Protein backbone atom coordinates (compact mmCIF):
# COMPACT_ATOMS: atom_id res chain seq x y z
CA UNK A 1 162.11 84.75 176.19
CA UNK A 2 163.05 81.11 175.54
CA UNK A 3 162.20 79.10 172.49
CA UNK A 4 160.22 75.91 172.83
CA UNK A 5 161.13 73.12 170.49
CA UNK A 6 158.76 70.42 169.39
CA UNK A 7 159.62 66.96 168.22
CA UNK A 8 158.31 65.56 164.95
CA UNK A 9 157.66 62.30 166.80
CA UNK A 10 154.49 62.16 168.93
CA UNK A 11 154.94 61.52 172.64
CA UNK A 12 153.22 58.13 172.85
CA UNK A 13 154.42 57.41 176.39
CA UNK A 14 151.95 59.91 177.84
CA UNK A 15 149.06 59.35 175.46
CA UNK A 16 145.91 58.21 177.30
CA UNK A 17 144.38 54.87 176.43
CA UNK A 18 141.56 55.11 173.86
CA UNK A 19 138.19 55.60 175.46
CA UNK A 20 135.42 53.32 174.20
CA UNK A 21 131.72 53.83 174.79
CA UNK A 22 130.32 51.83 177.71
CA UNK A 23 129.15 48.44 176.47
CA UNK A 24 130.96 48.79 173.14
CA UNK A 25 131.52 45.52 171.30
CA UNK A 26 135.31 45.20 170.97
CA UNK A 27 136.86 42.56 168.72
CA UNK A 28 140.59 41.88 169.00
CA UNK A 29 142.56 41.59 165.74
CA UNK A 30 145.35 39.06 165.27
CA UNK A 31 149.00 40.13 165.03
CA UNK A 32 149.59 41.82 161.69
CA UNK A 33 145.90 41.88 160.76
CA UNK A 34 144.61 45.19 159.38
CA UNK A 35 141.64 44.16 157.18
CA UNK A 36 138.41 42.97 158.75
CA UNK A 37 134.82 42.47 157.61
CA UNK A 38 131.73 43.40 159.60
CA UNK A 39 128.07 42.59 159.02
CA UNK A 40 126.68 43.63 162.40
CA UNK A 41 124.66 41.18 164.40
CA UNK A 42 123.13 38.11 162.83
CA UNK A 43 119.55 38.28 161.70
CA UNK A 44 117.39 41.33 161.07
CA UNK A 45 119.60 43.58 163.20
CA UNK A 46 122.63 43.20 160.94
CA UNK A 47 123.85 45.55 158.23
CA UNK A 48 125.43 45.11 154.79
CA UNK A 49 128.78 43.33 154.80
CA UNK A 50 131.58 45.89 154.66
CA UNK A 51 135.38 45.66 154.76
CA UNK A 52 137.35 47.96 157.05
CA UNK A 53 141.07 48.72 157.32
CA UNK A 54 142.55 49.37 160.75
CA UNK A 55 145.08 52.19 160.79
CA UNK A 56 148.39 51.27 162.41
CA UNK A 57 149.66 53.84 164.91
CA UNK A 58 153.34 54.62 165.60
CA UNK A 59 153.24 52.43 168.73
CA UNK A 60 152.12 49.39 166.69
CA UNK A 61 148.51 49.36 167.84
CA UNK A 62 145.68 49.54 165.31
CA UNK A 63 141.94 50.10 165.44
CA UNK A 64 138.90 50.82 163.30
CA UNK A 65 135.24 51.37 164.20
CA UNK A 66 132.37 50.10 162.04
CA UNK A 67 130.31 53.09 160.86
CA UNK A 68 127.09 51.04 160.98
CA UNK A 69 127.14 49.25 164.33
CA UNK A 70 130.03 50.98 166.17
CA UNK A 71 131.80 47.64 166.74
CA UNK A 72 135.46 48.34 167.48
CA UNK A 73 138.18 46.19 165.97
CA UNK A 74 141.57 46.71 167.60
CA UNK A 75 145.05 45.25 167.80
CA UNK A 76 147.05 45.94 170.96
CA UNK A 77 150.53 47.42 170.98
CA UNK A 78 153.01 45.09 169.31
CA UNK A 79 155.76 43.79 171.43
């Protein structure tokens, strides 16, 4: 019986791209940006202004989804 070893580092080369719901509103963040505000759509369909923090992944990408309107804020892989 052979032992399998696992690395402490995740294998990001084979990680699939994040799947977003069809028609999702995706907003691109600027380089280095992690904080973003969201108030939904203008007018009666909006929601209270909230501040979100995108979590940076080991590959340099970052994303956060608004819990009210499901708008996705993301920063592509740095490099």
